[in-house]
Amino acid sequence: MNTKLWVAGCATVMSVAMVSAQSAQTARQSEPVSKSAQQIAPQTAPLKAKAPASTPDIASQRALLDQYCVTCHNEKLKTANLLLDQLDLAHLGDHAEVGEKVVRKLHAAMMPPKGMKRPDAAALDSLVRWMEGELDRAAVTNVPAPGLHRLNRTEYGNAIRDLLALDVDATKFLPPDDSTRGFDNIAGALTMSPALMEAYLSAAGKISRLAIGDINAPTQAVFDAPADTAQNFHVEGLPFGTRGGMVTKYEFPADGEYTFNVKGVTGYFQAVLGQIKGEQLEVMVDGERVKLFD
């Protein structure tokens, strides 16, 4: 559960501590993770080229276009600057931009327009399927194989977000991508070394534990506001009309009960500074108010 903890108000905030109860209910559900994994898993099966369409099939699709589409989209009228009378269906992949436009219009039932004679649903569906097949076949044939490289920190963070629905700061787990930092001399090429492999394996272990959630023992996270943080003005990310406070992003590891302790800046005798009657301190989680303190 990726949430934001908002603490806003007049009182000067020094730190926020969150303690999870030992009686946490359940860990992160695994079903959404498996669904996401299925969605982005690479296709390992080899792509098999389909047999080229027969000439009679092309002729029938050509006749359908001529009857219902070319009446408006031709060289003479140039409706929407779409010249379907000049579209070579035998090499539709060479005119992918026009073909994709036609497919989108047909899918949205925008062609033929209302009031014009339309083909029956079966014929229209056959035309769309045939055009999509021709465009897909040309795309598979013409797209070069992607080069292989290791994920940089930005790509790695995006992959974790898409796969596990988990926002992580990749800079905390992986070394810098800049080879000038002295980690290794192949960072610029985004290739792999034994040291980098160890770093990625270590990151995988830590992020996996974070994604599953540990409910066996209570944990505590403390977020300190810098001592020189101005508490007299509105803090970006907090609701308008508030001043001071802090915003913290935190990944709650499991469903359960959490205790929030807010500590203000104190003086020599541990008394909170800036106590003003009539002012309030608000604690919010994902924008929802949790507590309002006087």
C-alpha atoms as a PDB file:
ATOM      1  CA  MET A   1       0.000   0.000   0.000  1.00  0.00           C
ATOM      2  CA  ASN A   2       1.861   3.069  -1.273  1.00  0.00           C
ATOM      3  CA  THR A   3       0.749   6.046   0.746  1.00  0.00           C
ATOM      4  CA  LYS A   4       1.752   9.544   1.676  1.00  0.00           C
ATOM      5  CA  LEU A   5       1.902  10.745   5.257  1.00  0.00           C
ATOM      6  CA  TRP A   6       1.027  14.411   5.564  1.00  0.00           C
ATOM      7  CA  VAL A   7       1.662  16.420   8.702  1.00  0.00           C
ATOM      8  CA  ALA A   8       0.550  20.032   8.446  1.00  0.00           C
ATOM      9  CA  GLY A   9      -0.039  22.843  10.845  1.00  0.00           C
ATOM     10  CA  CYS A  10       1.407  25.779  12.675  1.00  0.00           C
ATOM     11  CA  ALA A  11       3.498  23.930  15.237  1.00  0.00           C
ATOM     12  CA  THR A  12       7.101  23.361  14.232  1.00  0.00           C
ATOM     13  CA  VAL A  13       7.484  19.667  13.374  1.00  0.00           C
ATOM     14  CA  MET A  14      10.786  18.038  14.215  1.00  0.00           C
ATOM     15  CA  SER A  15      10.127  14.385  13.459  1.00  0.00           C
ATOM     16  CA  VAL A  16       7.428  11.803  12.784  1.00  0.00           C
ATOM     17  CA  ALA A  17       7.732   8.213  13.981  1.00  0.00           C
ATOM     18  CA  MET A  18       5.518   5.359  12.771  1.00  0.00           C
ATOM     19  CA  VAL A  19       5.381   2.073  14.659  1.00  0.00           C
ATOM     20  CA  SER A  20       3.529  -0.932  13.259  1.00  0.00           C
ATOM     21  CA  ALA A  21       1.658  -3.143  15.719  1.00  0.00           C
ATOM     22  CA  GLN A  22       2.742  -6.758  16.101  1.00  0.00           C
ATOM     23  CA  SER A  23      -0.824  -7.878  15.436  1.00  0.00           C
ATOM     24  CA  ALA A  24      -0.632  -6.891  11.774  1.00  0.00           C
ATOM     25  CA  GLN A  25      -3.379  -8.590   9.853  1.00  0.00           C
ATOM     26  CA  THR A  26      -2.137  -9.785   6.489  1.00  0.00           C
ATOM     27  CA  ALA A  27       0.772  -9.225   4.177  1.00  0.00           C
ATOM     28  CA  ARG A  28       0.464  -7.639   0.767  1.00  0.00           C
ATOM     29  CA  GLN A  29      -1.918  -9.602  -1.409  1.00  0.00           C
ATOM     30  CA  SER A  30      -0.103 -11.597  -4.039  1.00  0.00           C
ATOM     31  CA  GLU A  31      -2.875 -11.779  -6.639  1.00  0.00           C
ATOM     32  CA  PRO A  32      -2.330  -8.269  -8.112  1.00  0.00           C
ATOM     33  CA  VAL A  33       1.375  -9.047  -8.341  1.00  0.00           C
ATOM     34  CA  SER A  34       0.805 -12.190 -10.340  1.00  0.00           C
ATOM     35  CA  LYS A  35      -1.560 -10.360 -12.669  1.00  0.00           C
ATOM     36  CA  SER A  36       0.952  -7.611 -13.283  1.00  0.00           C
ATOM     37  CA  ALA A  37       3.651 -10.183 -13.858  1.00  0.00           C
ATOM     38  CA  GLN A  38       1.523 -11.901 -16.429  1.00  0.00           C
ATOM     39  CA  GLN A  39       0.858  -8.649 -18.221  1.00  0.00           C
ATOM     40  CA  ILE A  40       4.483  -7.639 -18.685  1.00  0.00           C
ATOM     41  CA  ALA A  41       6.098 -11.054 -18.990  1.00  0.00           C
ATOM     42  CA  PRO A  42       8.027 -11.203 -22.264  1.00  0.00           C
ATOM     43  CA  GLN A  43       6.753 -13.528 -24.923  1.00  0.00           C
ATOM     44  CA  THR A  44       9.301 -16.293 -25.347  1.00  0.00           C
ATOM     45  CA  ALA A  45       7.484 -18.259 -28.003  1.00  0.00           C
ATOM     46  CA  PRO A  46       8.897 -17.615 -31.478  1.00  0.00           C
ATOM     47  CA  LEU A  47       6.745 -15.482 -33.724  1.00  0.00           C
ATOM     48  CA  LYS A  48       5.485 -17.418 -36.691  1.00  0.00           C
ATOM     49  CA  ALA A  49       4.834 -15.490 -39.856  1.00  0.00           C
ATOM     50  CA  LYS A  50       1.372 -16.000 -41.235  1.00  0.00           C
ATOM     51  CA  ALA A  51       0.843 -17.085 -44.789  1.00  0.00           C
ATOM     52  CA  PRO A  52       0.368 -14.114 -47.112  1.00  0.00           C
ATOM     53  CA  ALA A  53      -3.215 -13.262 -47.919  1.00  0.00           C
ATOM     54  CA  SER A  54      -4.536 -14.689 -51.144  1.00  0.00           C
ATOM     55  CA  THR A  55      -5.333 -12.451 -54.093  1.00  0.00           C
ATOM     56  CA  PRO A  56      -9.122 -13.073 -53.963  1.00  0.00           C
ATOM     57  CA  ASP A  57      -9.126 -11.960 -50.298  1.00  0.00           C
ATOM     58  CA  ILE A  58      -7.387  -8.706 -51.187  1.00  0.00           C
ATOM     59  CA  ALA A  59      -9.810  -8.221 -54.043  1.00  0.00           C
ATOM     60  CA  SER A  60     -12.825  -8.630 -51.766  1.00  0.00           C
ATOM     61  CA  GLN A  61     -11.468  -6.111 -49.260  1.00  0.00           C
ATOM     62  CA  ARG A  62     -10.675  -3.727 -52.108  1.00  0.00           C
ATOM     63  CA  ALA A  63     -14.240  -4.003 -53.355  1.00  0.00           C
ATOM     64  CA  LEU A  64     -15.589  -3.299 -49.868  1.00  0.00           C
ATOM     65  CA  LEU A  65     -13.467  -0.156 -49.540  1.00  0.00           C
ATOM     66  CA  ASP A  66     -14.425   1.030 -53.011  1.00  0.00           C
ATOM     67  CA  GLN A  67     -18.124   0.565 -52.298  1.00  0.00           C
ATOM     68  CA  TYR A  68     -18.363   2.188 -48.872  1.00  0.00           C
ATOM     69  CA  CYS A  69     -15.245   4.340 -48.328  1.00  0.00           C
ATOM     70  CA  VAL A  70     -13.751   5.535 -51.597  1.00  0.00           C
ATOM     71  CA  THR A  71     -16.971   7.417 -52.446  1.00  0.00           C
ATOM     72  CA  CYS A  72     -15.789  10.103 -49.983  1.00  0.00           C
ATOM     73  CA  HIS A  73     -12.085   9.436 -49.548  1.00  0.00           C
ATOM     74  CA  ASN A  74     -10.714   9.782 -53.058  1.00  0.00           C
ATOM     75  CA  GLU A  75      -8.286  11.970 -54.966  1.00  0.00           C
ATOM     76  CA  LYS A  76     -11.061  14.268 -56.179  1.00  0.00           C
ATOM     77  CA  LEU A  77     -12.838  14.995 -52.874  1.00  0.00           C
ATOM     78  CA  LYS A  78      -9.839  14.466 -50.559  1.00  0.00           C
ATOM     79  CA  THR A  79     -12.101  14.141 -47.517  1.00  0.00           C
ATOM     80  CA  ALA A  80      -9.953  14.330 -44.349  1.00  0.00           C
ATOM     81  CA  ASN A  81      -6.987  14.188 -46.755  1.00  0.00           C
ATOM     82  CA  LEU A  82      -7.491  10.417 -46.917  1.00  0.00           C
ATOM     83  CA  LEU A  83      -7.045   9.001 -50.424  1.00  0.00           C
ATOM     84  CA  LEU A  84      -8.217   5.418 -50.097  1.00  0.00           C
ATOM     85  CA  ASP A  85      -8.547   4.998 -53.856  1.00  0.00           C
ATOM     86  CA  GLN A  86      -4.741   5.131 -54.015  1.00  0.00           C
ATOM     87  CA  LEU A  87      -4.158   2.803 -51.039  1.00  0.00           C
ATOM     88  CA  ASP A  88      -2.353  -0.356 -52.168  1.00  0.00           C
ATOM     89  CA  LEU A  89      -3.852  -3.138 -50.052  1.00  0.00           C
ATOM     90  CA  ALA A  90      -1.340  -5.627 -51.372  1.00  0.00           C
ATOM     91  CA  HIS A  91       1.360  -3.676 -49.511  1.00  0.00           C
ATOM     92  CA  LEU A  92      -0.665  -2.264 -46.615  1.00  0.00           C
ATOM     93  CA  GLY A  93       2.339  -2.472 -44.300  1.00  0.00           C
ATOM     94  CA  ASP A  94       4.086   0.187 -46.372  1.00  0.00           C
ATOM     95  CA  HIS A  95       1.251   2.591 -45.538  1.00  0.00           C
ATOM     96  CA  ALA A  96       0.871   1.732 -41.846  1.00  0.00           C
ATOM     97  CA  GLU A  97      -0.109   5.263 -40.822  1.00  0.00           C
ATOM     98  CA  VAL A  98      -3.072   5.315 -43.217  1.00  0.00           C
ATOM     99  CA  GLY A  99      -4.019   1.748 -42.358  1.00  0.00           C
ATOM    100  CA  GLU A 100      -3.989   2.437 -38.605  1.00  0.00           C
ATOM    101  CA  LYS A 101      -6.163   5.505 -39.130  1.00  0.00           C
ATOM    102  CA  VAL A 102      -8.724   3.497 -41.069  1.00  0.00           C
ATOM    103  CA  VAL A 103      -8.763   0.732 -38.450  1.00  0.00           C
ATOM    104  CA  ARG A 104      -9.317   3.239 -35.628  1.00  0.00           C
ATOM    105  CA  LYS A 105     -12.195   4.876 -37.495  1.00  0.00           C
ATOM    106  CA  LEU A 106     -13.826   1.520 -38.215  1.00  0.00           C
ATOM    107  CA  HIS A 107     -13.433   0.360 -34.612  1.00  0.00           C
ATOM    108  CA  ALA A 108     -15.088   3.560 -33.386  1.00  0.00           C
ATOM    109  CA  ALA A 109     -17.948   3.147 -35.917  1.00  0.00           C
ATOM    110  CA  MET A 110     -17.017   6.528 -37.416  1.00  0.00           C
ATOM    111  CA  MET A 111     -16.738   5.114 -40.936  1.00  0.00           C
ATOM    112  CA  PRO A 112     -18.932   5.136 -42.901  1.00  0.00           C
ATOM    113  CA  PRO A 113     -20.566   8.169 -41.240  1.00  0.00           C
ATOM    114  CA  LYS A 114     -24.165   8.210 -40.091  1.00  0.00           C
ATOM    115  CA  GLY A 115     -26.646   8.526 -42.923  1.00  0.00           C
ATOM    116  CA  MET A 116     -24.379   6.716 -45.360  1.00  0.00           C
ATOM    117  CA  LYS A 117     -24.886   3.152 -46.486  1.00  0.00           C
ATOM    118  CA  ARG A 118     -22.949   0.739 -44.254  1.00  0.00           C
ATOM    119  CA  PRO A 119     -21.846  -2.856 -44.859  1.00  0.00           C
ATOM    120  CA  ASP A 120     -23.178  -5.624 -42.659  1.00  0.00           C
ATOM    121  CA  ALA A 121     -21.400  -6.252 -39.373  1.00  0.00           C
ATOM    122  CA  ALA A 122     -19.757  -9.481 -40.541  1.00  0.00           C
ATOM    123  CA  ALA A 123     -18.198  -7.851 -43.621  1.00  0.00           C
ATOM    124  CA  LEU A 124     -16.997  -4.873 -41.596  1.00  0.00           C
ATOM    125  CA  ASP A 125     -15.469  -7.116 -38.944  1.00  0.00           C
ATOM    126  CA  SER A 126     -13.754  -9.162 -41.640  1.00  0.00           C
ATOM    127  CA  LEU A 127     -12.219  -6.014 -43.136  1.00  0.00           C
ATOM    128  CA  VAL A 128     -10.945  -4.786 -39.777  1.00  0.00           C
ATOM    129  CA  ARG A 129      -9.443  -8.164 -38.863  1.00  0.00           C
ATOM    130  CA  TRP A 130      -7.767  -8.476 -42.227  1.00  0.00           C
ATOM    131  CA  MET A 131      -6.256  -4.981 -42.048  1.00  0.00           C
ATOM    132  CA  GLU A 132      -5.034  -5.544 -38.487  1.00  0.00           C
ATOM    133  CA  GLY A 133      -3.425  -8.809 -39.506  1.00  0.00           C
ATOM    134  CA  GLU A 134      -1.621  -7.189 -42.434  1.00  0.00           C
ATOM    135  CA  LEU A 135      -0.388  -4.294 -40.282  1.00  0.00           C
ATOM    136  CA  ASP A 136       0.789  -6.595 -37.484  1.00  0.00           C
ATOM    137  CA  ARG A 137       2.591  -8.878 -39.885  1.00  0.00           C
ATOM    138  CA  ALA A 138       4.448  -5.954 -41.440  1.00  0.00           C
ATOM    139  CA  ALA A 139       5.337  -4.539 -38.021  1.00  0.00           C
ATOM    140  CA  VAL A 140       6.793  -7.851 -36.827  1.00  0.00           C
ATOM    141  CA  THR A 141       8.823  -8.174 -40.004  1.00  0.00           C
ATOM    142  CA  ASN A 142      10.223  -4.653 -40.060  1.00  0.00           C
ATOM    143  CA  VAL A 143      10.976  -3.980 -36.377  1.00  0.00           C
ATOM    144  CA  PRO A 144      14.619  -4.769 -35.588  1.00  0.00           C
ATOM    145  CA  ALA A 145      15.473  -6.925 -32.591  1.00  0.00           C
ATOM    146  CA  PRO A 146      16.083  -4.772 -29.503  1.00  0.00           C
ATOM    147  CA  GLY A 147      19.591  -4.589 -28.118  1.00  0.00           C
ATOM    148  CA  LEU A 148      20.325  -6.157 -24.745  1.00  0.00           C
ATOM    149  CA  HIS A 149      21.553  -4.059 -21.839  1.00  0.00           C
ATOM    150  CA  ARG A 150      21.168  -4.003 -18.092  1.00  0.00           C
ATOM    151  CA  LEU A 151      18.494  -1.764 -16.622  1.00  0.00           C
ATOM    152  CA  ASN A 152      19.738   1.543 -15.322  1.00  0.00           C
ATOM    153  CA  ARG A 153      18.328   2.795 -12.043  1.00  0.00           C
ATOM    154  CA  THR A 154      15.422   4.653 -13.643  1.00  0.00           C
ATOM    155  CA  GLU A 155      14.419   1.662 -15.764  1.00  0.00           C
ATOM    156  CA  TYR A 156      14.819  -0.647 -12.774  1.00  0.00           C
ATOM    157  CA  GLY A 157      12.534   1.498 -10.618  1.00  0.00           C
ATOM    158  CA  ASN A 158       9.912   1.634 -13.375  1.00  0.00           C
ATOM    159  CA  ALA A 159      10.043  -2.154 -13.820  1.00  0.00           C
ATOM    160  CA  ILE A 160       9.528  -2.722 -10.080  1.00  0.00           C
ATOM    161  CA  ARG A 161       6.612  -0.285 -10.114  1.00  0.00           C
ATOM    162  CA  ASP A 162       4.931  -2.038 -13.057  1.00  0.00           C
ATOM    163  CA  LEU A 163       5.633  -5.567 -11.819  1.00  0.00           C
ATOM    164  CA  LEU A 164       4.957  -5.256  -8.082  1.00  0.00           C
ATOM    165  CA  ALA A 165       2.934  -2.011  -7.831  1.00  0.00           C
ATOM    166  CA  LEU A 166       5.706  -0.836  -5.528  1.00  0.00           C
ATOM    167  CA  ASP A 167       7.436   2.550  -5.674  1.00  0.00           C
ATOM    168  CA  VAL A 168      11.063   2.211  -4.628  1.00  0.00           C
ATOM    169  CA  ASP A 169      13.980   4.588  -4.706  1.00  0.00           C
ATOM    170  CA  ALA A 170      16.435   2.682  -6.881  1.00  0.00           C
ATOM    171  CA  THR A 171      19.281   4.910  -5.705  1.00  0.00           C
ATOM    172  CA  LYS A 172      19.080   3.182  -2.316  1.00  0.00           C
ATOM    173  CA  PHE A 173      19.584  -0.258  -3.827  1.00  0.00           C
ATOM    174  CA  LEU A 174      21.775   0.139  -6.916  1.00  0.00           C
ATOM    175  CA  PRO A 175      25.108   1.862  -7.593  1.00  0.00           C
ATOM    176  CA  PRO A 176      25.242   5.019  -9.731  1.00  0.00           C
ATOM    177  CA  ASP A 177      24.896   4.601 -13.478  1.00  0.00           C
ATOM    178  CA  ASP A 178      27.612   7.189 -14.050  1.00  0.00           C
ATOM    179  CA  SER A 179      30.946   5.457 -14.622  1.00  0.00           C
ATOM    180  CA  THR A 180      32.786   8.534 -13.327  1.00  0.00           C
ATOM    181  CA  ARG A 181      31.646   7.638  -9.809  1.00  0.00           C
ATOM    182  CA  GLY A 182      34.294   4.925  -9.727  1.00  0.00           C
ATOM    183  CA  PHE A 183      32.034   1.911  -9.244  1.00  0.00           C
ATOM    184  CA  ASP A 184      33.047   0.264 -12.482  1.00  0.00           C
ATOM    185  CA  ASN A 185      34.161   1.365 -15.910  1.00  0.00           C
ATOM    186  CA  ILE A 186      31.344  -0.175 -17.936  1.00  0.00           C
ATOM    187  CA  ALA A 187      28.377   1.772 -16.558  1.00  0.00           C
ATOM    188  CA  GLY A 188      28.215   3.984 -19.630  1.00  0.00           C
ATOM    189  CA  ALA A 189      27.701   0.925 -21.823  1.00  0.00           C
ATOM    190  CA  LEU A 190      25.025  -0.471 -19.458  1.00  0.00           C
ATOM    191  CA  THR A 191      26.682  -3.871 -19.487  1.00  0.00           C
ATOM    192  CA  MET A 192      27.212  -6.210 -16.539  1.00  0.00           C
ATOM    193  CA  SER A 193      30.110  -7.085 -14.272  1.00  0.00           C
ATOM    194  CA  PRO A 194      30.344  -9.491 -11.290  1.00  0.00           C
ATOM    195  CA  ALA A 195      30.180  -6.567  -8.861  1.00  0.00           C
ATOM    196  CA  LEU A 196      27.081  -5.196 -10.565  1.00  0.00           C
ATOM    197  CA  MET A 197      25.494  -8.641 -10.549  1.00  0.00           C
ATOM    198  CA  GLU A 198      25.959  -8.813  -6.782  1.00  0.00           C
ATOM    199  CA  ALA A 199      24.351  -5.383  -6.414  1.00  0.00           C
ATOM    200  CA  TYR A 200      21.318  -6.371  -8.471  1.00  0.00           C
ATOM    201  CA  LEU A 201      20.908  -9.661  -6.591  1.00  0.00           C
ATOM    202  CA  SER A 202      21.091  -7.834  -3.277  1.00  0.00           C
ATOM    203  CA  ALA A 203      18.511  -5.308  -4.477  1.00  0.00           C
ATOM    204  CA  ALA A 204      16.206  -8.124  -5.594  1.00  0.00           C
ATOM    205  CA  GLY A 205      16.306  -9.715  -2.146  1.00  0.00           C
ATOM    206  CA  LYS A 206      15.578  -6.478  -0.299  1.00  0.00           C
ATOM    207  CA  ILE A 207      12.792  -5.386  -2.640  1.00  0.00           C
ATOM    208  CA  SER A 208      11.183  -8.843  -2.549  1.00  0.00           C
ATOM    209  CA  ARG A 209      11.002  -8.705   1.243  1.00  0.00           C
ATOM    210  CA  LEU A 210       9.573  -5.200   1.024  1.00  0.00           C
ATOM    211  CA  ALA A 211       6.929  -6.294  -1.495  1.00  0.00           C
ATOM    212  CA  ILE A 212       5.812  -9.318   0.551  1.00  0.00           C
ATOM    213  CA  GLY A 213       5.711  -7.453   3.867  1.00  0.00           C
ATOM    214  CA  ASP A 214       7.064  -8.691   7.205  1.00  0.00           C
ATOM    215  CA  ILE A 215       4.326  -9.151   9.823  1.00  0.00           C
ATOM    216  CA  ASN A 216       6.340 -11.148  12.353  1.00  0.00           C
ATOM    217  CA  ALA A 217       7.693  -8.236  14.350  1.00  0.00           C
ATOM    218  CA  PRO A 218       6.862  -4.564  14.895  1.00  0.00           C
ATOM    219  CA  THR A 219       8.919  -2.033  12.987  1.00  0.00           C
ATOM    220  CA  GLN A 220       9.570   1.668  13.393  1.00  0.00           C
ATOM    221  CA  ALA A 221      10.395   4.350  10.845  1.00  0.00           C
ATOM    222  CA  VAL A 222      11.441   7.856  11.851  1.00  0.00           C
ATOM    223  CA  PHE A 223      11.297  10.832   9.507  1.00  0.00           C
ATOM    224  CA  ASP A 224      13.105  13.978  10.621  1.00  0.00           C
ATOM    225  CA  ALA A 225      12.473  17.400   9.213  1.00  0.00           C
ATOM    226  CA  PRO A 226      15.732  19.306   8.609  1.00  0.00           C
ATOM    227  CA  ALA A 227      16.457  21.688  11.461  1.00  0.00           C
ATOM    228  CA  ASP A 228      16.553  24.669   9.117  1.00  0.00           C
ATOM    229  CA  THR A 229      13.164  23.896   7.523  1.00  0.00           C
ATOM    230  CA  ALA A 230      10.993  27.021   7.524  1.00  0.00           C
ATOM    231  CA  GLN A 231       7.673  26.357   9.231  1.00  0.00           C
ATOM    232  CA  ASN A 232       6.196  29.784   8.506  1.00  0.00           C
ATOM    233  CA  PHE A 233       5.088  29.105   4.931  1.00  0.00           C
ATOM    234  CA  HIS A 234       3.000  26.642   2.955  1.00  0.00           C
ATOM    235  CA  VAL A 235       4.827  23.360   2.280  1.00  0.00           C
ATOM    236  CA  GLU A 236       4.483  21.999  -1.247  1.00  0.00           C
ATOM    237  CA  GLY A 237       2.288  18.900  -1.314  1.00  0.00           C
ATOM    238  CA  LEU A 238       0.177  19.903   1.692  1.00  0.00           C
ATOM    239  CA  PRO A 239      -3.370  21.320   1.419  1.00  0.00           C
ATOM    240  CA  PHE A 240      -3.710  25.014   0.760  1.00  0.00           C
ATOM    241  CA  GLY A 241      -4.501  27.004   3.878  1.00  0.00           C
ATOM    242  CA  THR A 242      -1.919  25.138   5.960  1.00  0.00           C
ATOM    243  CA  ARG A 243       1.584  26.228   6.856  1.00  0.00           C
ATOM    244  CA  GLY A 244       4.569  24.305   8.084  1.00  0.00           C
ATOM    245  CA  GLY A 245       4.688  20.544   8.527  1.00  0.00           C
ATOM    246  CA  MET A 246       6.195  17.868   6.303  1.00  0.00           C
ATOM    247  CA  VAL A 247       5.239  15.337   3.614  1.00  0.00           C
ATOM    248  CA  THR A 248       6.661  11.809   3.707  1.00  0.00           C
ATOM    249  CA  LYS A 249       6.204   8.907   1.279  1.00  0.00           C
ATOM    250  CA  TYR A 250       6.111   5.556   3.041  1.00  0.00           C
ATOM    251  CA  GLU A 251       5.388   2.010   1.874  1.00  0.00           C
ATOM    252  CA  PHE A 252       3.321   0.292   4.571  1.00  0.00           C
ATOM    253  CA  PRO A 253       4.577  -3.321   4.612  1.00  0.00           C
ATOM    254  CA  ALA A 254       1.328  -4.971   5.744  1.00  0.00           C
ATOM    255  CA  ASP A 255      -2.264  -4.363   6.728  1.00  0.00           C
ATOM    256  CA  GLY A 256      -2.469  -3.689  10.451  1.00  0.00           C
ATOM    257  CA  GLU A 257      -2.516  -1.025  13.142  1.00  0.00           C
ATOM    258  CA  TYR A 258       0.026   1.786  13.039  1.00  0.00           C
ATOM    259  CA  THR A 259       0.847   4.341  15.732  1.00  0.00           C
ATOM    260  CA  PHE A 260       1.934   7.853  14.749  1.00  0.00           C
ATOM    261  CA  ASN A 261       3.957   9.989  17.129  1.00  0.00           C
ATOM    262  CA  VAL A 262       4.572  13.617  16.174  1.00  0.00           C
ATOM    263  CA  LYS A 263       7.328  15.463  18.034  1.00  0.00           C
ATOM    264  CA  GLY A 264       7.788  19.189  17.770  1.00  0.00           C
ATOM    265  CA  VAL A 265      11.037  21.111  18.037  1.00  0.00           C
ATOM    266  CA  THR A 266      11.937  21.414  21.708  1.00  0.00           C
ATOM    267  CA  GLY A 267      14.096  23.767  23.712  1.00  0.00           C
ATOM    268  CA  TYR A 268      16.599  23.116  26.474  1.00  0.00           C
ATOM    269  CA  PHE A 269      13.960  21.806  28.897  1.00  0.00           C
ATOM    270  CA  GLN A 270      12.202  19.616  26.278  1.00  0.00           C
ATOM    271  CA  ALA A 271       9.259  21.982  26.004  1.00  0.00           C
ATOM    272  CA  VAL A 272       7.840  22.260  22.504  1.00  0.00           C
ATOM    273  CA  LEU A 273       8.669  25.629  21.006  1.00  0.00           C
ATOM    274  CA  GLY A 274       6.162  27.859  19.273  1.00  0.00           C
ATOM    275  CA  GLN A 275       3.131  26.866  21.317  1.00  0.00           C
ATOM    276  CA  ILE A 276       0.334  29.231  20.298  1.00  0.00           C
ATOM    277  CA  LYS A 277      -3.209  28.836  21.524  1.00  0.00           C
ATOM    278  CA  GLY A 278      -5.846  28.387  18.864  1.00  0.00           C
ATOM    279  CA  GLU A 279      -3.486  26.713  16.362  1.00  0.00           C
ATOM    280  CA  GLN A 280      -3.943  23.095  15.242  1.00  0.00           C
ATOM    281  CA  LEU A 281      -1.771  20.294  13.863  1.00  0.00           C
ATOM    282  CA  GLU A 282      -3.293  17.917  11.320  1.00  0.00           C
ATOM    283  CA  VAL A 283      -2.095  14.397  10.443  1.00  0.00           C
ATOM    284  CA  MET A 284      -3.260  12.924   7.121  1.00  0.00           C
ATOM    285  CA  VAL A 285      -2.665   9.613   5.348  1.00  0.00           C
ATOM    286  CA  ASP A 286      -3.275   9.663   1.592  1.00  0.00           C
ATOM    287  CA  GLY A 287      -5.051  12.976   2.032  1.00  0.00           C
ATOM    288  CA  GLU A 288      -7.496  11.585   4.613  1.00  0.00           C
ATOM    289  CA  ARG A 289      -7.470  13.238   8.031  1.00  0.00           C
ATOM    290  CA  VAL A 290      -6.370  10.887  10.813  1.00  0.00           C
ATOM    291  CA  LYS A 291      -6.075  13.277  13.743  1.00  0.00           C
ATOM    292  CA  LEU A 292      -6.382  16.981  14.488  1.00  0.00           C
ATOM    293  CA  PHE A 293      -4.360  18.175  17.487  1.00  0.00           C
ATOM    294  CA  ASP A 294      -4.732  21.441  19.400  1.00  0.00           C
END
